[in-house]
Amino acid sequence: MNATATIRASITSTSGLSLHTGRLSQLKEWPNFTSVELERAWKADSDAVSIKPGSYIDLDTGQSQKSQLRRMFTTFPYRDSAWLVAVGYVLGAILFVINSFFGLLPLIAPSLTFETEGTIGLQTTLITGLIFFLVAGFLDVKSAPNANRDAVKVAQDKQQLHQPAVLGSRDWAKVPKPGKYSELLAKNVSFQAALVQLTGTIFLALAAVTGFPGVTDAEGPYYATFVYGPTFVGGLLFWVANAMLLLGTEQDKWWRPKPTSVGWHAALQSTGGGFLFMMIGVFLLAGMTLAAAWVTMIGSSMFMIGCILGWYVSMAVC
């Protein structure tokens, strides 16, 4: 899930511009470049979120799959919101997998547990993972209006190089123009999905807080309502959000799979993970603790794979 990267890719994928091949910090050091101001999509009558093929500027990503994989571990554009969102989700998902391991271990191998596993290990990984998800989700929603404000630099050989609008740059708008969010909400599936997933994360965070030891009586009549209920709703929203992304943006037709696309596999894994997150709530409400622990492990692992693949995809536009 990365609305900022998806919107940016929708602008760049139909044209002939080379995405920058160096780190953002190196752009100012490249010789023989002239800064060229593009007419911003936010000033135009039609916004980039509803762009038609060939209507913006010719781009050529110029990024091989090997290059994208290498840049995941060698390029760290920490001021690019699309990269921050991708990495934030990856870190949060890794913590969820660790958390699910702590939750499953006492049920299948009690002898391997340690004293502070439930009080520290389980709670710390859950809360920290949710913090990463909340920050990434809020940043994604906040950054989406800036996804079409990228600049272009032109080298002496007339090659056009893409430079994302990064946090703190003059291209970055702290306050989007009036109506920008409502336009994204009405027209852009990626933004809609990001908002739905953020809402789901808030529900999961609510479940984590109410389920924290000492906050709600685990034997009380309202424990299932305030802990398992938000878990189910949060998982349902995760499932819906990633299904929207899978069917609405990663496939040319909602009914036609696209297995040759890494982005499609990322969305598919995340959708499967979201469905299993929902099933956690179902199994907990039914009193099936072991089944809930297993789907937590499998769902978290699927979501982590989806996030890592999404990180790989985002490196094409970061």
Foldseek 3Di string as FASTA:
>chain_A
DFLLLLLLCLQAVQACAEADLDELVCPVVDPQKDFDDDDFQLPDPHHSLPDDRPPHHHHDNPADLVSLVVCLPVYCNPQALRLLLLVLLLQLLVLLLQLLCLLQCCVPPVVPDDDCSVPDVNLVSNLSSLVSNLVSLVSSLQCNLLSRLWTWMAGPVRRIYTGGDGPPDPSGDNDRDPPSSVVCCVRHLLSVLSVLLSVLSVLQNQLSVCPRPPNDDPPDPCNLVRRLVSQLSSLVSQLVSLLSCLQPRVDPHSVDQDVVDLLNQLSVLSNQLSNLSNVLSVCVVVVNSNSSSVSSNSSSVSNSSSSVSSSSSSSSND
